[in-house]
Amino acid sequence: MRSSRVLTTAIVVLVSLFGVACPTVQGIPGEFLANFSFVVSPADGGFEPCTNAGYINLLPDSSYNLTVTFSGELDGSVEFMTFKGSSRDASFDGQYVTSANNVPRVFTRIVLTPLPDGGSEASEVSGVLGLTEQFTVALLSSSQTADAGGVCDPANIPSGSPPGMTSTGFDAVLACGQLTDTIEGDGGWPSCAMMFDVAGSRL
């Protein structure tokens, strides 16, 4: 698609992690560990790299809520995350849950074509590129949550026993981290990353 209109403001196109997932599954894989309610918010300046690269279209430019189920092994190993009825693989190092996914998506960006008079013409160009979604959150146990005063900061994990299985189940109370969506450039299409802050608590 091409257009001769000149656009002075570019809006990044973004399909977030939580809008796409693996094929729908029945129930959840593995053993249930915990349900979390997350708030996903655009990070401060998190879209500038893609805006500067000329990507345009609608983006989720405000915070939104998401419920995630973590599951895996009864020893507290998180191996899956399920949201919106779909599941994907995850890994857990005892403090951080990480999950990555790559999906094809249609993106649109502005391309400037030089004109003989020295000016330029702006055109919209669309194409299919890969979108790599990287989700990383720290899970805080009840003792870590108490040490942190009920506030989760992924860059400053408090002391205390990390999450694990207890007599009452999986001891994870708070979660915080980041979602990074990277447009995988190809040919004349530039690569860029978009950042979201993620914060949640156990339901």
N, C-alpha and C. Protein backbone atom coordinates (compact mmCIF):
# COMPACT_ATOMS: atom_id res chain seq x y z
N MET A 1 0.84 -1.17 0.00
CA MET A 1 0.00 0.00 0.00
C MET A 1 0.88 1.22 0.00
N ARG A 2 0.56 2.20 -0.85
CA ARG A 2 1.33 3.42 -0.91
C ARG A 2 0.39 4.61 -0.88
N SER A 3 0.86 5.70 -0.31
CA SER A 3 0.05 6.90 -0.22
C SER A 3 0.96 8.10 -0.40
N SER A 4 0.44 9.17 -1.02
CA SER A 4 1.26 10.35 -1.24
C SER A 4 1.16 11.34 -0.10
N ARG A 5 0.33 11.03 0.93
CA ARG A 5 0.20 11.98 2.00
C ARG A 5 1.46 12.00 2.85
N VAL A 6 1.83 13.20 3.27
CA VAL A 6 3.00 13.38 4.11
C VAL A 6 2.55 13.30 5.56
N LEU A 7 3.16 12.44 6.30
CA LEU A 7 2.82 12.27 7.70
C LEU A 7 3.90 12.93 8.55
N THR A 8 3.51 13.81 9.42
CA THR A 8 4.47 14.50 10.27
C THR A 8 4.66 13.80 11.61
N THR A 9 3.75 12.94 11.96
CA THR A 9 3.86 12.21 13.22
C THR A 9 3.70 10.73 12.95
N ALA A 10 4.64 9.94 13.43
CA ALA A 10 4.58 8.49 13.24
C ALA A 10 4.16 7.84 14.54
N ILE A 11 3.26 6.90 14.44
CA ILE A 11 2.81 6.13 15.60
C ILE A 11 3.26 4.71 15.41
N VAL A 12 3.92 4.15 16.36
CA VAL A 12 4.49 2.83 16.23
C VAL A 12 3.39 1.79 16.15
N VAL A 13 3.59 0.82 15.24
CA VAL A 13 2.68 -0.31 15.22
C VAL A 13 3.20 -1.33 16.20
N LEU A 14 2.30 -1.86 17.00
CA LEU A 14 2.72 -2.81 18.02
C LEU A 14 1.64 -3.82 18.27
N VAL A 15 2.00 -5.09 18.09
CA VAL A 15 1.13 -6.17 18.52
C VAL A 15 1.82 -6.79 19.71
N SER A 16 1.31 -6.57 20.90
CA SER A 16 2.01 -6.97 22.10
C SER A 16 1.95 -8.47 22.32
N LEU A 17 2.78 -8.87 23.22
CA LEU A 17 2.80 -10.27 23.61
C LEU A 17 1.43 -10.78 23.95
N PHE A 18 0.66 -9.94 24.62
CA PHE A 18 -0.60 -10.43 25.15
C PHE A 18 -1.73 -10.38 24.14
N GLY A 19 -1.43 -9.98 22.91
CA GLY A 19 -2.43 -10.04 21.87
C GLY A 19 -2.28 -11.26 21.00
N VAL A 20 -1.14 -11.96 21.14
CA VAL A 20 -0.89 -13.14 20.33
C VAL A 20 -0.32 -14.23 21.21
N ALA A 21 -0.53 -15.46 20.83
CA ALA A 21 -0.02 -16.57 21.64
C ALA A 21 0.01 -17.82 20.80
N CYS A 22 0.38 -18.95 21.45
CA CYS A 22 0.41 -20.22 20.77
C CYS A 22 -1.01 -20.71 20.54
N PRO A 23 -1.18 -21.78 19.77
CA PRO A 23 -2.52 -22.28 19.52
C PRO A 23 -3.26 -22.59 20.81
N THR A 24 -4.57 -22.43 20.78
CA THR A 24 -5.39 -22.64 21.96
C THR A 24 -5.26 -24.07 22.47
N VAL A 25 -5.17 -24.20 23.79
CA VAL A 25 -5.09 -25.51 24.42
C VAL A 25 -6.27 -25.66 25.35
N GLN A 26 -6.60 -26.91 25.69
CA GLN A 26 -7.64 -27.18 26.66
C GLN A 26 -7.01 -27.22 28.05
N GLY A 27 -7.51 -26.38 28.96
CA GLY A 27 -6.93 -26.35 30.30
C GLY A 27 -5.56 -25.74 30.30
N ILE A 28 -4.74 -26.17 31.26
CA ILE A 28 -3.37 -25.67 31.34
C ILE A 28 -2.42 -26.86 31.34
N PRO A 29 -1.22 -26.68 30.78
CA PRO A 29 -0.24 -27.77 30.81
C PRO A 29 0.44 -27.83 32.17
N GLY A 30 0.85 -29.01 32.57
CA GLY A 30 1.54 -29.16 33.85
C GLY A 30 0.62 -28.98 35.04
N GLU A 31 1.23 -28.76 36.20
CA GLU A 31 0.49 -28.57 37.44
C GLU A 31 0.27 -27.08 37.70
N PHE A 32 -0.93 -26.73 38.15
CA PHE A 32 -1.23 -25.34 38.47
C PHE A 32 -0.35 -24.85 39.61
N LEU A 33 0.19 -23.63 39.45
CA LEU A 33 1.00 -23.02 40.49
C LEU A 33 0.39 -21.72 41.02
N ALA A 34 0.01 -20.80 40.13
CA ALA A 34 -0.53 -19.53 40.60
C ALA A 34 -1.18 -18.75 39.47
N ASN A 35 -2.19 -17.96 39.82
CA ASN A 35 -2.79 -16.97 38.91
C ASN A 35 -2.30 -15.59 39.30
N PHE A 36 -1.92 -14.79 38.31
CA PHE A 36 -1.49 -13.42 38.57
C PHE A 36 -2.29 -12.45 37.70
N SER A 37 -2.59 -11.30 38.28
CA SER A 37 -3.21 -10.21 37.54
C SER A 37 -2.14 -9.16 37.25
N PHE A 38 -1.89 -8.90 35.98
CA PHE A 38 -0.84 -7.97 35.57
C PHE A 38 -1.42 -6.68 35.01
N VAL A 39 -0.68 -5.60 35.20
CA VAL A 39 -0.90 -4.34 34.50
C VAL A 39 0.29 -4.12 33.59
N VAL A 40 0.02 -3.98 32.29
CA VAL A 40 1.07 -3.79 31.29
C VAL A 40 1.01 -2.34 30.80
N SER A 41 2.12 -1.62 30.94
CA SER A 41 2.13 -0.19 30.62
C SER A 41 3.30 0.15 29.70
N PRO A 42 3.07 1.00 28.71
CA PRO A 42 4.20 1.44 27.87
C PRO A 42 5.28 2.09 28.72
N ALA A 43 6.51 1.67 28.55
CA ALA A 43 7.63 2.25 29.30
C ALA A 43 7.88 3.68 28.82
N ASP A 44 8.44 4.48 29.69
CA ASP A 44 8.76 5.86 29.33
C ASP A 44 9.76 5.88 28.19
N GLY A 45 9.36 6.41 27.05
CA GLY A 45 10.23 6.46 25.88
C GLY A 45 10.42 5.11 25.21
N GLY A 46 9.61 4.13 25.60
CA GLY A 46 9.81 2.77 25.12
C GLY A 46 9.51 2.54 23.66
N PHE A 47 8.81 3.48 23.02
CA PHE A 47 8.47 3.29 21.61
C PHE A 47 9.31 4.14 20.66
N GLU A 48 10.16 5.00 21.21
CA GLU A 48 10.90 5.94 20.38
C GLU A 48 11.76 5.28 19.31
N PRO A 49 12.45 4.16 19.61
CA PRO A 49 13.28 3.56 18.55
C PRO A 49 12.49 3.19 17.30
N CYS A 50 11.27 2.69 17.49
CA CYS A 50 10.46 2.30 16.32
C CYS A 50 9.77 3.51 15.68
N THR A 51 9.39 4.48 16.52
CA THR A 51 8.84 5.71 15.96
C THR A 51 9.88 6.41 15.09
N ASN A 52 11.11 6.47 15.60
CA ASN A 52 12.19 7.11 14.84
C ASN A 52 12.52 6.34 13.57
N ALA A 53 12.24 5.03 13.56
CA ALA A 53 12.49 4.21 12.37
C ALA A 53 11.37 4.34 11.35
N GLY A 54 10.31 5.10 11.69
CA GLY A 54 9.24 5.37 10.73
C GLY A 54 8.05 4.44 10.79
N TYR A 55 8.02 3.51 11.74
CA TYR A 55 6.87 2.60 11.83
C TYR A 55 5.64 3.36 12.29
N ILE A 56 4.52 3.06 11.67
CA ILE A 56 3.27 3.74 11.99
C ILE A 56 2.15 2.73 12.16
N ASN A 57 1.08 3.15 12.73
CA ASN A 57 -0.18 2.42 12.89
C ASN A 57 -0.59 2.48 14.34
N LEU A 58 -1.72 1.84 14.63
CA LEU A 58 -2.27 1.88 15.97
C LEU A 58 -1.42 1.08 16.94
N LEU A 59 -1.25 1.59 18.14
CA LEU A 59 -0.53 0.86 19.17
C LEU A 59 -1.31 0.93 20.48
N PRO A 60 -1.12 -0.01 21.39
CA PRO A 60 -1.76 0.10 22.71
C PRO A 60 -0.99 1.10 23.56
N ASP A 61 -1.35 2.38 23.46
CA ASP A 61 -0.57 3.44 24.11
C ASP A 61 -1.06 3.75 25.51
N SER A 62 -1.83 2.86 26.11
CA SER A 62 -2.26 3.02 27.49
C SER A 62 -2.16 1.67 28.21
N SER A 63 -2.22 1.72 29.52
CA SER A 63 -2.10 0.50 30.31
C SER A 63 -3.30 -0.42 30.10
N TYR A 64 -3.07 -1.72 30.23
CA TYR A 64 -4.16 -2.68 30.15
C TYR A 64 -3.89 -3.83 31.11
N ASN A 65 -4.94 -4.56 31.46
CA ASN A 65 -4.85 -5.64 32.44
C ASN A 65 -4.80 -7.00 31.76
N LEU A 66 -4.16 -7.92 32.41
CA LEU A 66 -4.05 -9.27 31.88
C LEU A 66 -3.93 -10.28 33.02
N THR A 67 -4.66 -11.39 32.91
CA THR A 67 -4.55 -12.47 33.89
C THR A 67 -3.72 -13.60 33.29
N VAL A 68 -2.69 -14.03 34.03
CA VAL A 68 -1.77 -15.07 33.58
C VAL A 68 -1.77 -16.21 34.60
N THR A 69 -1.81 -17.44 34.11
CA THR A 69 -1.65 -18.62 34.95
C THR A 69 -0.27 -19.20 34.74
N PHE A 70 0.46 -19.38 35.84
CA PHE A 70 1.76 -20.06 35.79
C PHE A 70 1.56 -21.51 36.21
N SER A 71 2.18 -22.41 35.47
CA SER A 71 2.06 -23.84 35.78
C SER A 71 3.37 -24.53 35.46
N GLY A 72 3.50 -25.77 35.93
CA GLY A 72 4.73 -26.52 35.69
C GLY A 72 4.79 -27.75 36.55
N GLU A 73 5.79 -27.80 37.45
CA GLU A 73 5.99 -28.95 38.33
C GLU A 73 5.66 -28.58 39.77
N LEU A 74 5.28 -29.59 40.56
CA LEU A 74 4.91 -29.35 41.95
C LEU A 74 6.09 -29.01 42.84
N ASP A 75 7.31 -29.04 42.29
CA ASP A 75 8.46 -28.57 43.05
C ASP A 75 8.64 -27.06 42.92
N GLY A 76 7.70 -26.41 42.22
CA GLY A 76 7.77 -24.96 42.05
C GLY A 76 8.42 -24.52 40.76
N SER A 77 8.75 -25.44 39.89
CA SER A 77 9.34 -25.08 38.60
C SER A 77 8.26 -24.56 37.66
N VAL A 78 8.39 -23.31 37.25
CA VAL A 78 7.45 -22.72 36.29
C VAL A 78 7.91 -23.09 34.89
N GLU A 79 7.05 -23.78 34.15
CA GLU A 79 7.39 -24.23 32.80
C GLU A 79 6.46 -23.69 31.72
N PHE A 80 5.32 -23.12 32.14
CA PHE A 80 4.35 -22.60 31.18
C PHE A 80 3.67 -21.37 31.74
N MET A 81 3.24 -20.50 30.83
CA MET A 81 2.35 -19.40 31.19
C MET A 81 1.16 -19.44 30.22
N THR A 82 -0.03 -19.27 30.80
CA THR A 82 -1.27 -19.36 30.01
C THR A 82 -2.05 -18.07 30.17
N PHE A 83 -2.51 -17.52 29.05
CA PHE A 83 -3.30 -16.30 29.06
C PHE A 83 -4.26 -16.32 27.88
N LYS A 84 -5.43 -15.79 28.10
CA LYS A 84 -6.46 -15.75 27.06
C LYS A 84 -6.70 -17.12 26.44
N GLY A 85 -6.65 -18.17 27.25
CA GLY A 85 -6.95 -19.50 26.78
C GLY A 85 -5.84 -20.19 26.01
N SER A 86 -4.66 -19.57 25.94
CA SER A 86 -3.54 -20.15 25.19
C SER A 86 -2.31 -20.24 26.08
N SER A 87 -1.44 -21.21 25.79
CA SER A 87 -0.26 -21.44 26.61
C SER A 87 1.02 -21.33 25.79
N ARG A 88 2.10 -21.01 26.48
CA ARG A 88 3.42 -20.96 25.85
C ARG A 88 4.46 -21.41 26.86
N ASP A 89 5.61 -21.86 26.36
CA ASP A 89 6.68 -22.31 27.23
C ASP A 89 7.25 -21.15 28.04
N ALA A 90 7.72 -21.47 29.23
CA ALA A 90 8.38 -20.50 30.08
C ALA A 90 9.51 -21.20 30.83
N SER A 91 10.44 -20.43 31.34
CA SER A 91 11.51 -20.97 32.17
C SER A 91 11.57 -20.16 33.46
N PHE A 92 12.13 -20.79 34.51
CA PHE A 92 12.17 -20.16 35.83
C PHE A 92 13.49 -20.50 36.48
N ASP A 93 14.26 -19.45 36.87
CA ASP A 93 15.57 -19.69 37.49
C ASP A 93 15.51 -19.62 39.01
N GLY A 94 14.30 -19.62 39.55
CA GLY A 94 14.12 -19.51 40.98
C GLY A 94 13.70 -18.13 41.41
N GLN A 95 13.88 -17.13 40.55
CA GLN A 95 13.46 -15.76 40.83
C GLN A 95 12.73 -15.12 39.64
N TYR A 96 13.23 -15.37 38.43
CA TYR A 96 12.68 -14.74 37.24
C TYR A 96 12.02 -15.77 36.33
N VAL A 97 10.83 -15.42 35.85
CA VAL A 97 10.15 -16.19 34.81
C VAL A 97 10.43 -15.51 33.47
N THR A 98 10.83 -16.31 32.48
CA THR A 98 11.12 -15.79 31.15
C THR A 98 10.35 -16.60 30.11
N SER A 99 9.78 -15.91 29.15
CA SER A 99 9.09 -16.58 28.05
C SER A 99 9.29 -15.77 26.78
N ALA A 100 9.64 -16.45 25.69
CA ALA A 100 9.87 -15.78 24.41
C ALA A 100 9.02 -16.42 23.33
N ASN A 101 8.67 -15.63 22.34
CA ASN A 101 7.86 -16.12 21.23
C ASN A 101 8.14 -15.27 20.00
N ASN A 102 8.01 -15.88 18.83
CA ASN A 102 8.19 -15.13 17.58
C ASN A 102 7.00 -15.39 16.68
N VAL A 103 6.38 -14.32 16.18
CA VAL A 103 5.21 -14.44 15.33
C VAL A 103 5.35 -13.50 14.14
N PRO A 104 4.80 -13.86 12.98
CA PRO A 104 4.81 -12.93 11.85
C PRO A 104 3.69 -11.90 12.00
N ARG A 105 3.99 -10.65 11.68
CA ARG A 105 2.98 -9.60 11.75
C ARG A 105 3.18 -8.61 10.60
N VAL A 106 2.11 -7.99 10.19
CA VAL A 106 2.17 -6.97 9.15
C VAL A 106 2.49 -5.62 9.80
N PHE A 107 3.53 -4.96 9.31
CA PHE A 107 3.91 -3.65 9.82
C PHE A 107 3.88 -2.64 8.68
N THR A 108 3.67 -1.39 9.05
CA THR A 108 3.65 -0.30 8.08
C THR A 108 4.60 0.79 8.54
N ARG A 109 5.36 1.32 7.60
CA ARG A 109 6.27 2.41 7.94
C ARG A 109 6.28 3.45 6.84
N ILE A 110 6.81 4.61 7.17
CA ILE A 110 6.92 5.72 6.22
C ILE A 110 8.28 5.68 5.55
N VAL A 111 8.28 5.74 4.22
CA VAL A 111 9.52 5.78 3.44
C VAL A 111 9.55 7.10 2.67
N LEU A 112 10.68 7.80 2.74
CA LEU A 112 10.85 9.06 2.03
C LEU A 112 11.59 8.82 0.72
N THR A 113 10.97 9.23 -0.38
CA THR A 113 11.57 9.07 -1.70
C THR A 113 12.04 10.44 -2.20
N PRO A 114 13.33 10.59 -2.55
CA PRO A 114 13.84 11.88 -3.03
C PRO A 114 13.15 12.29 -4.33
N LEU A 115 12.89 13.59 -4.48
CA LEU A 115 12.30 14.15 -5.70
C LEU A 115 13.35 14.96 -6.45
N PRO A 116 13.15 15.15 -7.77
CA PRO A 116 14.13 15.91 -8.57
C PRO A 116 14.37 17.32 -8.07
N ASP A 117 13.35 17.94 -7.44
CA ASP A 117 13.51 19.31 -6.99
C ASP A 117 14.24 19.41 -5.65
N GLY A 118 14.72 18.27 -5.15
CA GLY A 118 15.45 18.27 -3.89
C GLY A 118 14.60 17.94 -2.68
N GLY A 119 13.29 17.91 -2.88
CA GLY A 119 12.40 17.56 -1.80
C GLY A 119 12.26 16.05 -1.67
N SER A 120 11.23 15.62 -1.00
CA SER A 120 10.98 14.18 -0.83
C SER A 120 9.48 13.93 -0.73
N GLU A 121 9.10 12.73 -1.05
CA GLU A 121 7.70 12.32 -0.97
C GLU A 121 7.59 11.18 0.04
N ALA A 122 6.64 11.30 0.95
CA ALA A 122 6.43 10.28 1.98
C ALA A 122 5.40 9.28 1.50
N SER A 123 5.73 8.00 1.63
CA SER A 123 4.82 6.93 1.22
C SER A 123 4.70 5.90 2.33
N GLU A 124 3.53 5.32 2.45
CA GLU A 124 3.32 4.22 3.39
C GLU A 124 3.62 2.90 2.68
N VAL A 125 4.42 2.05 3.31
CA VAL A 125 4.77 0.75 2.77
C VAL A 125 4.50 -0.30 3.85
N SER A 126 3.82 -1.38 3.48
CA SER A 126 3.50 -2.45 4.43
C SER A 126 4.23 -3.73 4.06
N GLY A 127 4.55 -4.54 5.06
CA GLY A 127 5.22 -5.80 4.81
C GLY A 127 5.12 -6.70 6.03
N VAL A 128 5.38 -7.98 5.84
CA VAL A 128 5.33 -8.97 6.92
C VAL A 128 6.73 -9.15 7.50
N LEU A 129 6.85 -8.95 8.80
CA LEU A 129 8.11 -9.12 9.50
C LEU A 129 7.87 -9.98 10.74
N GLY A 130 8.95 -10.51 11.27
CA GLY A 130 8.85 -11.26 12.52
C GLY A 130 8.81 -10.32 13.71
N LEU A 131 8.00 -10.67 14.71
CA LEU A 131 7.94 -9.93 15.96
C LEU A 131 8.36 -10.88 17.08
N THR A 132 9.49 -10.59 17.71
CA THR A 132 9.98 -11.40 18.82
C THR A 132 9.54 -10.76 20.13
N GLU A 133 8.82 -11.53 20.93
CA GLU A 133 8.28 -11.05 22.19
C GLU A 133 9.03 -11.70 23.34
N GLN A 134 9.61 -10.89 24.20
CA GLN A 134 10.37 -11.38 25.34
C GLN A 134 9.72 -10.88 26.63
N PHE A 135 9.21 -11.82 27.42
CA PHE A 135 8.51 -11.50 28.67
C PHE A 135 9.38 -11.98 29.83
N THR A 136 9.76 -11.06 30.73
CA THR A 136 10.58 -11.40 31.88
C THR A 136 10.04 -10.71 33.12
N VAL A 137 9.67 -11.50 34.14
CA VAL A 137 9.22 -10.91 35.40
C VAL A 137 9.89 -11.62 36.57
N ALA A 138 10.16 -10.84 37.61
CA ALA A 138 10.64 -11.40 38.87
C ALA A 138 9.43 -11.75 39.71
N LEU A 139 9.42 -12.95 40.29
CA LEU A 139 8.39 -13.35 41.24
C LEU A 139 8.94 -13.17 42.65
N LEU A 140 8.17 -12.51 43.50
CA LEU A 140 8.59 -12.28 44.88
C LEU A 140 7.79 -13.16 45.83
N SER A 141 8.48 -13.80 46.75
CA SER A 141 7.83 -14.61 47.77
C SER A 141 7.20 -13.70 48.82
N SER A 142 6.48 -14.30 49.77
CA SER A 142 5.85 -13.49 50.82
C SER A 142 6.89 -12.79 51.68
N SER A 143 8.02 -13.47 51.98
CA SER A 143 9.05 -12.82 52.79
C SER A 143 9.74 -11.71 52.01
N GLN A 144 9.98 -11.90 50.73
CA GLN A 144 10.58 -10.83 49.92
C GLN A 144 9.63 -9.65 49.78
N THR A 145 8.34 -9.95 49.65
CA THR A 145 7.34 -8.88 49.56
C THR A 145 7.32 -8.05 50.84
N ALA A 146 7.42 -8.73 51.98
CA ALA A 146 7.45 -8.01 53.25
C ALA A 146 8.70 -7.15 53.36
N ASP A 147 9.85 -7.70 52.95
CA ASP A 147 11.10 -6.94 53.00
C ASP A 147 11.06 -5.72 52.09
N ALA A 148 10.33 -5.85 50.99
CA ALA A 148 10.25 -4.76 50.01
C ALA A 148 9.13 -3.77 50.33
N GLY A 149 8.42 -3.99 51.40
CA GLY A 149 7.33 -3.08 51.77
C GLY A 149 6.17 -3.16 50.82
N GLY A 150 6.01 -4.32 50.20
CA GLY A 150 4.88 -4.50 49.29
C GLY A 150 5.06 -3.88 47.92
N VAL A 151 6.29 -3.47 47.60
CA VAL A 151 6.57 -2.85 46.30
C VAL A 151 7.60 -3.70 45.56
N CYS A 152 7.31 -4.04 44.32
CA CYS A 152 8.20 -4.88 43.53
C CYS A 152 9.02 -4.02 42.57
N ASP A 153 10.33 -4.14 42.66
CA ASP A 153 11.25 -3.44 41.77
C ASP A 153 12.18 -4.49 41.16
N PRO A 154 12.06 -4.77 39.85
CA PRO A 154 12.86 -5.84 39.24
C PRO A 154 14.35 -5.58 39.28
N ALA A 155 14.75 -4.33 39.46
CA ALA A 155 16.17 -4.00 39.52
C ALA A 155 16.72 -4.06 40.95
N ASN A 156 15.83 -4.31 41.91
CA ASN A 156 16.27 -4.33 43.31
C ASN A 156 15.48 -5.39 44.07
N ILE A 157 15.81 -6.65 43.81
CA ILE A 157 15.12 -7.75 44.45
C ILE A 157 15.56 -7.83 45.91
N PRO A 158 14.62 -7.83 46.85
CA PRO A 158 14.98 -7.83 48.27
C PRO A 158 15.49 -9.19 48.74
N SER A 159 16.06 -9.17 49.94
CA SER A 159 16.49 -10.43 50.54
C SER A 159 15.26 -11.22 50.98
N GLY A 160 15.50 -12.42 51.45
CA GLY A 160 14.39 -13.29 51.82
C GLY A 160 14.39 -14.52 50.94
N SER A 161 13.66 -15.52 51.37
CA SER A 161 13.61 -16.77 50.60
C SER A 161 12.89 -16.54 49.28
N PRO A 162 13.44 -17.00 48.16
CA PRO A 162 12.77 -16.84 46.86
C PRO A 162 11.53 -17.73 46.79
N PRO A 163 10.71 -17.53 45.78
CA PRO A 163 9.48 -18.32 45.66
C PRO A 163 9.76 -19.82 45.58
N GLY A 164 8.89 -20.59 46.17
CA GLY A 164 9.01 -22.04 46.13
C GLY A 164 7.76 -22.66 46.70
N MET A 165 7.72 -23.97 46.72
CA MET A 165 6.55 -24.67 47.25
C MET A 165 6.59 -24.69 48.77
N THR A 166 5.44 -24.42 49.38
CA THR A 166 5.28 -24.48 50.83
C THR A 166 4.08 -25.36 51.13
N SER A 167 3.74 -25.48 52.41
CA SER A 167 2.59 -26.31 52.80
C SER A 167 1.28 -25.74 52.29
N THR A 168 1.28 -24.44 51.93
CA THR A 168 0.07 -23.80 51.43
C THR A 168 0.09 -23.59 49.91
N GLY A 169 1.14 -24.10 49.24
CA GLY A 169 1.22 -23.98 47.80
C GLY A 169 2.42 -23.17 47.35
N PHE A 170 2.38 -22.68 46.13
CA PHE A 170 3.49 -21.94 45.54
C PHE A 170 3.55 -20.55 46.15
N ASP A 171 4.66 -20.24 46.81
CA ASP A 171 4.79 -18.98 47.55
C ASP A 171 5.33 -17.88 46.65
N ALA A 172 4.44 -17.31 45.82
CA ALA A 172 4.77 -16.14 45.00
C ALA A 172 3.63 -15.15 45.15
N VAL A 173 3.96 -13.91 45.53
CA VAL A 173 2.93 -12.93 45.89
C VAL A 173 2.88 -11.77 44.91
N LEU A 174 4.03 -11.22 44.58
CA LEU A 174 4.12 -10.09 43.66
C LEU A 174 4.98 -10.47 42.46
N ALA A 175 4.84 -9.70 41.37
CA ALA A 175 5.65 -9.91 40.17
C ALA A 175 5.86 -8.57 39.48
N CYS A 176 7.04 -8.39 38.89
CA CYS A 176 7.31 -7.18 38.13
C CYS A 176 8.44 -7.45 37.15
N GLY A 177 8.44 -6.71 36.06
CA GLY A 177 9.47 -6.91 35.05
C GLY A 177 9.19 -6.13 33.79
N GLN A 178 9.47 -6.75 32.66
CA GLN A 178 9.38 -6.02 31.39
C GLN A 178 8.99 -6.93 30.24
N LEU A 179 8.26 -6.37 29.31
CA LEU A 179 7.96 -7.00 28.03
C LEU A 179 8.69 -6.22 26.95
N THR A 180 9.48 -6.92 26.15
CA THR A 180 10.19 -6.31 25.03
C THR A 180 9.70 -6.92 23.74
N ASP A 181 9.19 -6.10 22.85
CA ASP A 181 8.75 -6.56 21.53
C ASP A 181 9.72 -6.01 20.50
N THR A 182 10.38 -6.92 19.78
CA THR A 182 11.38 -6.52 18.80
C THR A 182 10.91 -6.83 17.39
N ILE A 183 10.85 -5.80 16.56
CA ILE A 183 10.55 -6.00 15.14
C ILE A 183 11.84 -6.45 14.47
N GLU A 184 11.80 -7.63 13.85
CA GLU A 184 12.98 -8.18 13.21
C GLU A 184 13.07 -7.64 11.78
N GLY A 185 13.96 -6.67 11.58
CA GLY A 185 14.09 -6.04 10.28
C GLY A 185 14.60 -6.99 9.21
N ASP A 186 14.29 -6.67 7.97
CA ASP A 186 14.71 -7.50 6.84
C ASP A 186 14.82 -6.61 5.61
N GLY A 187 15.92 -6.75 4.89
CA GLY A 187 16.11 -5.91 3.71
C GLY A 187 16.22 -4.45 4.12
N GLY A 188 15.37 -3.62 3.55
CA GLY A 188 15.37 -2.21 3.88
C GLY A 188 14.57 -1.87 5.12
N TRP A 189 14.02 -2.88 5.76
CA TRP A 189 13.23 -2.64 6.97
C TRP A 189 14.13 -2.69 8.20
N PRO A 190 14.14 -1.63 9.01
CA PRO A 190 15.02 -1.61 10.18
C PRO A 190 14.45 -2.43 11.34
N SER A 191 15.35 -2.93 12.16
CA SER A 191 14.95 -3.58 13.41
C SER A 191 14.83 -2.53 14.50
N CYS A 192 13.93 -2.77 15.44
CA CYS A 192 13.77 -1.86 16.57
C CYS A 192 13.02 -2.59 17.68
N ALA A 193 13.10 -2.07 18.88
CA ALA A 193 12.46 -2.71 20.02
C ALA A 193 11.53 -1.74 20.73
N MET A 194 10.44 -2.28 21.27
CA MET A 194 9.46 -1.52 22.04
C MET A 194 9.35 -2.12 23.43
N MET A 195 9.27 -1.26 24.44
CA MET A 195 9.35 -1.71 25.82
C MET A 195 8.06 -1.43 26.58
N PHE A 196 7.67 -2.42 27.41
CA PHE A 196 6.54 -2.27 28.33
C PHE A 196 6.99 -2.62 29.75
N ASP A 197 6.50 -1.90 30.73
CA ASP A 197 6.67 -2.29 32.12
C ASP A 197 5.53 -3.20 32.52
N VAL A 198 5.85 -4.24 33.30
CA VAL A 198 4.86 -5.23 33.70
C VAL A 198 4.88 -5.34 35.22
N ALA A 199 3.72 -5.23 35.86
CA ALA A 199 3.62 -5.38 37.31
C ALA A 199 2.36 -6.15 37.65
N GLY A 200 2.45 -7.04 38.64
CA GLY A 200 1.28 -7.84 38.96
C GLY A 200 1.28 -8.36 40.37
N SER A 201 0.15 -8.91 40.77
CA SER A 201 0.01 -9.53 42.08
C SER A 201 -0.82 -10.79 41.96
N ARG A 202 -0.66 -11.67 42.92
CA ARG A 202 -1.35 -12.96 42.88
C ARG A 202 -2.84 -12.78 43.16
N LEU A 203 -3.64 -13.52 42.42
CA LEU A 203 -5.08 -13.49 42.63
C LEU A 203 -5.47 -14.45 43.75
